[in-house]
C-alpha atoms as a PDB file:
ATOM      1  CA  UNK A   1      -1.476 -15.717  -6.490  1.00  0.00           C
ATOM      2  CA  UNK A   2       0.924 -18.559  -6.769  1.00  0.00           C
ATOM      3  CA  UNK A   3       4.670 -18.545  -6.454  1.00  0.00           C
ATOM      4  CA  UNK A   4       7.168 -20.831  -8.111  1.00  0.00           C
ATOM      5  CA  UNK A   5       5.928 -23.822  -6.101  1.00  0.00           C
ATOM      6  CA  UNK A   6       2.270 -22.782  -6.193  1.00  0.00           C
ATOM      7  CA  UNK A   7       2.274 -21.397  -2.635  1.00  0.00           C
ATOM      8  CA  UNK A   8      -0.029 -18.618  -1.564  1.00  0.00           C
ATOM      9  CA  UNK A   9       2.145 -16.981   1.022  1.00  0.00           C
ATOM     10  CA  UNK A  10       1.059 -14.253   3.387  1.00  0.00           C
ATOM     11  CA  UNK A  11       3.279 -11.710   1.610  1.00  0.00           C
ATOM     12  CA  UNK A  12       1.886 -12.662  -1.798  1.00  0.00           C
ATOM     13  CA  UNK A  13      -1.748 -12.538  -0.659  1.00  0.00           C
ATOM     14  CA  UNK A  14      -1.133  -9.207   1.098  1.00  0.00           C
ATOM     15  CA  UNK A  15       0.540  -7.787  -2.025  1.00  0.00           C
ATOM     16  CA  UNK A  16      -2.336  -8.789  -4.300  1.00  0.00           C
ATOM     17  CA  UNK A  17      -5.214  -7.780  -2.010  1.00  0.00           C
ATOM     18  CA  UNK A  18      -3.649  -4.531  -0.818  1.00  0.00           C
ATOM     19  CA  UNK A  19      -2.311  -3.681  -4.275  1.00  0.00           C
ATOM     20  CA  UNK A  20      -5.702  -4.176  -5.925  1.00  0.00           C
ATOM     21  CA  UNK A  21      -7.431  -2.146  -3.206  1.00  0.00           C
ATOM     22  CA  UNK A  22      -4.949   0.738  -3.466  1.00  0.00           C
ATOM     23  CA  UNK A  23      -5.226   0.746  -7.292  1.00  0.00           C
ATOM     24  CA  UNK A  24      -9.028   0.935  -7.000  1.00  0.00           C
ATOM     25  CA  UNK A  25      -8.684   3.814  -4.527  1.00  0.00           C
ATOM     26  CA  UNK A  26      -6.416   5.594  -7.030  1.00  0.00           C
ATOM     27  CA  UNK A  27      -8.899   5.083  -9.874  1.00  0.00           C
ATOM     28  CA  UNK A  28     -11.783   6.219  -7.689  1.00  0.00           C
ATOM     29  CA  UNK A  29      -9.828   9.305  -6.675  1.00  0.00           C
ATOM     30  CA  UNK A  30      -9.126  10.192 -10.293  1.00  0.00           C
ATOM     31  CA  UNK A  31     -12.830   9.924 -11.069  1.00  0.00           C
ATOM     32  CA  UNK A  32     -13.815  12.102  -8.099  1.00  0.00           C
ATOM     33  CA  UNK A  33     -11.211  14.816  -8.716  1.00  0.00           C
ATOM     34  CA  UNK A  34      -9.621  17.016  -6.056  1.00  0.00           C
ATOM     35  CA  UNK A  35     -12.275  16.706  -3.393  1.00  0.00           C
ATOM     36  CA  UNK A  36     -12.649  15.227   0.035  1.00  0.00           C
ATOM     37  CA  UNK A  37     -14.341  11.841   0.211  1.00  0.00           C
ATOM     38  CA  UNK A  38     -17.214  12.014   2.709  1.00  0.00           C
ATOM     39  CA  UNK A  39     -15.450  14.991   4.258  1.00  0.00           C
ATOM     40  CA  UNK A  40     -12.903  12.725   5.969  1.00  0.00           C
ATOM     41  CA  UNK A  41     -10.462  11.395   3.337  1.00  0.00           C
ATOM     42  CA  UNK A  42      -8.194  13.496   1.162  1.00  0.00           C
ATOM     43  CA  UNK A  43      -8.494  12.984  -2.572  1.00  0.00           C
ATOM     44  CA  UNK A  44      -5.832  14.638  -4.657  1.00  0.00           C
ATOM     45  CA  UNK A  45      -4.492  13.952  -8.160  1.00  0.00           C
ATOM     46  CA  UNK A  46      -0.907  13.613  -6.906  1.00  0.00           C
ATOM     47  CA  UNK A  47      -1.987  11.149  -4.233  1.00  0.00           C
ATOM     48  CA  UNK A  48      -4.085   9.238  -6.776  1.00  0.00           C
ATOM     49  CA  UNK A  49      -1.039   8.829  -9.006  1.00  0.00           C
ATOM     50  CA  UNK A  50       0.997   7.577  -6.039  1.00  0.00           C
ATOM     51  CA  UNK A  51      -1.785   5.131  -5.167  1.00  0.00           C
ATOM     52  CA  UNK A  52      -1.774   3.807  -8.733  1.00  0.00           C
ATOM     53  CA  UNK A  53       2.020   3.448  -8.668  1.00  0.00           C
ATOM     54  CA  UNK A  54       2.320   1.835  -5.227  1.00  0.00           C
ATOM     55  CA  UNK A  55      -0.751  -0.371  -5.685  1.00  0.00           C
ATOM     56  CA  UNK A  56       0.382  -1.419  -9.144  1.00  0.00           C
ATOM     57  CA  UNK A  57       3.825  -2.264  -7.792  1.00  0.00           C
ATOM     58  CA  UNK A  58       2.333  -4.439  -5.040  1.00  0.00           C
ATOM     59  CA  UNK A  59      -0.060  -6.100  -7.464  1.00  0.00           C
ATOM     60  CA  UNK A  60       2.686  -6.840  -9.985  1.00  0.00           C
ATOM     61  CA  UNK A  61       4.956  -8.286  -7.291  1.00  0.00           C
ATOM     62  CA  UNK A  62       2.173 -10.450  -5.907  1.00  0.00           C
ATOM     63  CA  UNK A  63       1.109 -11.793  -9.280  1.00  0.00           C
ATOM     64  CA  UNK A  64       4.310 -11.876 -11.319  1.00  0.00           C
ATOM     65  CA  UNK A  65       7.342 -12.295  -9.053  1.00  0.00           C
ATOM     66  CA  UNK A  66       8.632 -15.865  -8.978  1.00  0.00           C
ATOM     67  CA  UNK A  67      10.928 -15.370  -6.004  1.00  0.00           C
ATOM     68  CA  UNK A  68       9.201 -14.970  -2.652  1.00  0.00           C
ATOM     69  CA  UNK A  69      12.062 -12.764  -1.443  1.00  0.00           C
ATOM     70  CA  UNK A  70      11.170 -10.253  -4.166  1.00  0.00           C
ATOM     71  CA  UNK A  71       7.520 -10.189  -3.043  1.00  0.00           C
ATOM     72  CA  UNK A  72       8.543  -9.717   0.592  1.00  0.00           C
ATOM     73  CA  UNK A  73      11.031  -7.002  -0.375  1.00  0.00           C
ATOM     74  CA  UNK A  74       8.459  -5.054  -2.381  1.00  0.00           C
ATOM     75  CA  UNK A  75       5.866  -5.370   0.405  1.00  0.00           C
ATOM     76  CA  UNK A  76       8.427  -4.169   2.944  1.00  0.00           C
ATOM     77  CA  UNK A  77       9.708  -1.229   0.890  1.00  0.00           C
ATOM     78  CA  UNK A  78       6.194  -0.027   0.039  1.00  0.00           C
ATOM     79  CA  UNK A  79       5.385  -0.454   3.735  1.00  0.00           C
ATOM     80  CA  UNK A  80       8.317   1.798   4.688  1.00  0.00           C
ATOM     81  CA  UNK A  81       7.052   4.426   2.225  1.00  0.00           C
ATOM     82  CA  UNK A  82       3.519   4.321   3.659  1.00  0.00           C
ATOM     83  CA  UNK A  83       4.896   4.431   7.198  1.00  0.00           C
ATOM     84  CA  UNK A  84       6.906   7.546   6.315  1.00  0.00           C
ATOM     85  CA  UNK A  85       3.882   9.214   4.694  1.00  0.00           C
ATOM     86  CA  UNK A  86       1.735   8.388   7.726  1.00  0.00           C
ATOM     87  CA  UNK A  87       4.265   9.852  10.158  1.00  0.00           C
ATOM     88  CA  UNK A  88       5.008  12.906   8.009  1.00  0.00           C
ATOM     89  CA  UNK A  89       1.282  13.537   7.646  1.00  0.00           C
ATOM     90  CA  UNK A  90       1.138  14.511  11.319  1.00  0.00           C
ATOM     91  CA  UNK A  91       4.151  16.827  11.095  1.00  0.00           C
ATOM     92  CA  UNK A  92       3.894  18.255   7.559  1.00  0.00           C
ATOM     93  CA  UNK A  93       0.324  17.608   6.308  1.00  0.00           C
ATOM     94  CA  UNK A  94       1.109  18.896   2.805  1.00  0.00           C
ATOM     95  CA  UNK A  95       4.213  16.683   2.617  1.00  0.00           C
ATOM     96  CA  UNK A  96       6.415  19.652   1.720  1.00  0.00           C
ATOM     97  CA  UNK A  97       4.150  20.655  -1.172  1.00  0.00           C
ATOM     98  CA  UNK A  98       3.866  17.190  -2.745  1.00  0.00           C
ATOM     99  CA  UNK A  99       0.203  16.886  -1.750  1.00  0.00           C
ATOM    100  CA  UNK A 100      -1.339  20.326  -2.443  1.00  0.00           C
ATOM    101  CA  UNK A 101      -4.514  19.731  -0.443  1.00  0.00           C
ATOM    102  CA  UNK A 102      -2.657  18.063   2.415  1.00  0.00           C
ATOM    103  CA  UNK A 103      -3.743  15.456   4.913  1.00  0.00           C
ATOM    104  CA  UNK A 104      -6.201  17.478   6.897  1.00  0.00           C
ATOM    105  CA  UNK A 105      -7.725  14.489   8.650  1.00  0.00           C
ATOM    106  CA  UNK A 106      -6.194  12.050  11.086  1.00  0.00           C
ATOM    107  CA  UNK A 107      -7.901   9.180   9.228  1.00  0.00           C
ATOM    108  CA  UNK A 108      -5.604   9.606   6.202  1.00  0.00           C
ATOM    109  CA  UNK A 109      -2.570   9.341   8.462  1.00  0.00           C
ATOM    110  CA  UNK A 110      -3.915   6.357  10.366  1.00  0.00           C
ATOM    111  CA  UNK A 111      -4.650   4.457   7.147  1.00  0.00           C
ATOM    112  CA  UNK A 112      -1.127   5.139   5.857  1.00  0.00           C
ATOM    113  CA  UNK A 113       0.388   4.144   9.209  1.00  0.00           C
ATOM    114  CA  UNK A 114      -1.620   0.909   9.228  1.00  0.00           C
ATOM    115  CA  UNK A 115      -0.509   0.027   5.697  1.00  0.00           C
ATOM    116  CA  UNK A 116       3.050   0.906   6.667  1.00  0.00           C
ATOM    117  CA  UNK A 117       3.142  -1.207   9.816  1.00  0.00           C
ATOM    118  CA  UNK A 118       1.526  -4.176   8.058  1.00  0.00           C
ATOM    119  CA  UNK A 119       3.855  -3.892   5.063  1.00  0.00           C
ATOM    120  CA  UNK A 120       6.993  -3.666   7.195  1.00  0.00           C
ATOM    121  CA  UNK A 121       5.844  -6.519   9.433  1.00  0.00           C
ATOM    122  CA  UNK A 122       4.922  -8.824   6.545  1.00  0.00           C
ATOM    123  CA  UNK A 123       7.865  -7.842   4.387  1.00  0.00           C
ATOM    124  CA  UNK A 124      10.689  -7.710   6.911  1.00  0.00           C
ATOM    125  CA  UNK A 125       9.648  -9.072  10.320  1.00  0.00           C
ATOM    126  CA  UNK A 126       7.385 -12.079   9.924  1.00  0.00           C
ATOM    127  CA  UNK A 127       9.566 -14.885   8.639  1.00  0.00           C
ATOM    128  CA  UNK A 128       8.602 -17.075   5.719  1.00  0.00           C
ATOM    129  CA  UNK A 129       6.389 -19.949   6.687  1.00  0.00           C
ATOM    130  CA  UNK A 130       7.418 -23.506   6.066  1.00  0.00           C
ATOM    131  CA  UNK A 131       3.852 -24.350   5.057  1.00  0.00           C
ATOM    132  CA  UNK A 132       1.949 -22.302   2.476  1.00  0.00           C
ATOM    133  CA  UNK A 133      -0.628 -19.784   3.631  1.00  0.00           C
ATOM    134  CA  UNK A 134      -4.018 -21.069   2.537  1.00  0.00           C
ATOM    135  CA  UNK A 135      -6.843 -18.833   1.382  1.00  0.00           C
ATOM    136  CA  UNK A 136     -10.235 -20.502   1.199  1.00  0.00           C
END
């Protein structure tokens, strides 16, 4: 999780931790199939593929990007996408046919909104720190 100067910035740590978590959710969803997890979270093959793509993108940016601006940009853009999905989930739960089983629970939308707000804040709002973010 180091950048060109060996810094562990907030954006980089967020990209790696969130990316790895979202990839694991995608893998878990593929293993479970098209079912609801504990009756509260939607699991759908299309959504699993999107989780693998978005999580993989975050993970790659966090681990491989040398330029911190690239990491922040990826975190922000993925955040905008999750924010849009979270908002659309309340209005069009099936996302215009993209998610066949739809977001039938508020929890799905709240998770996407949370990821969206955090991604936008870390990627576009919170300025780069002069000192590296330390993870112990």
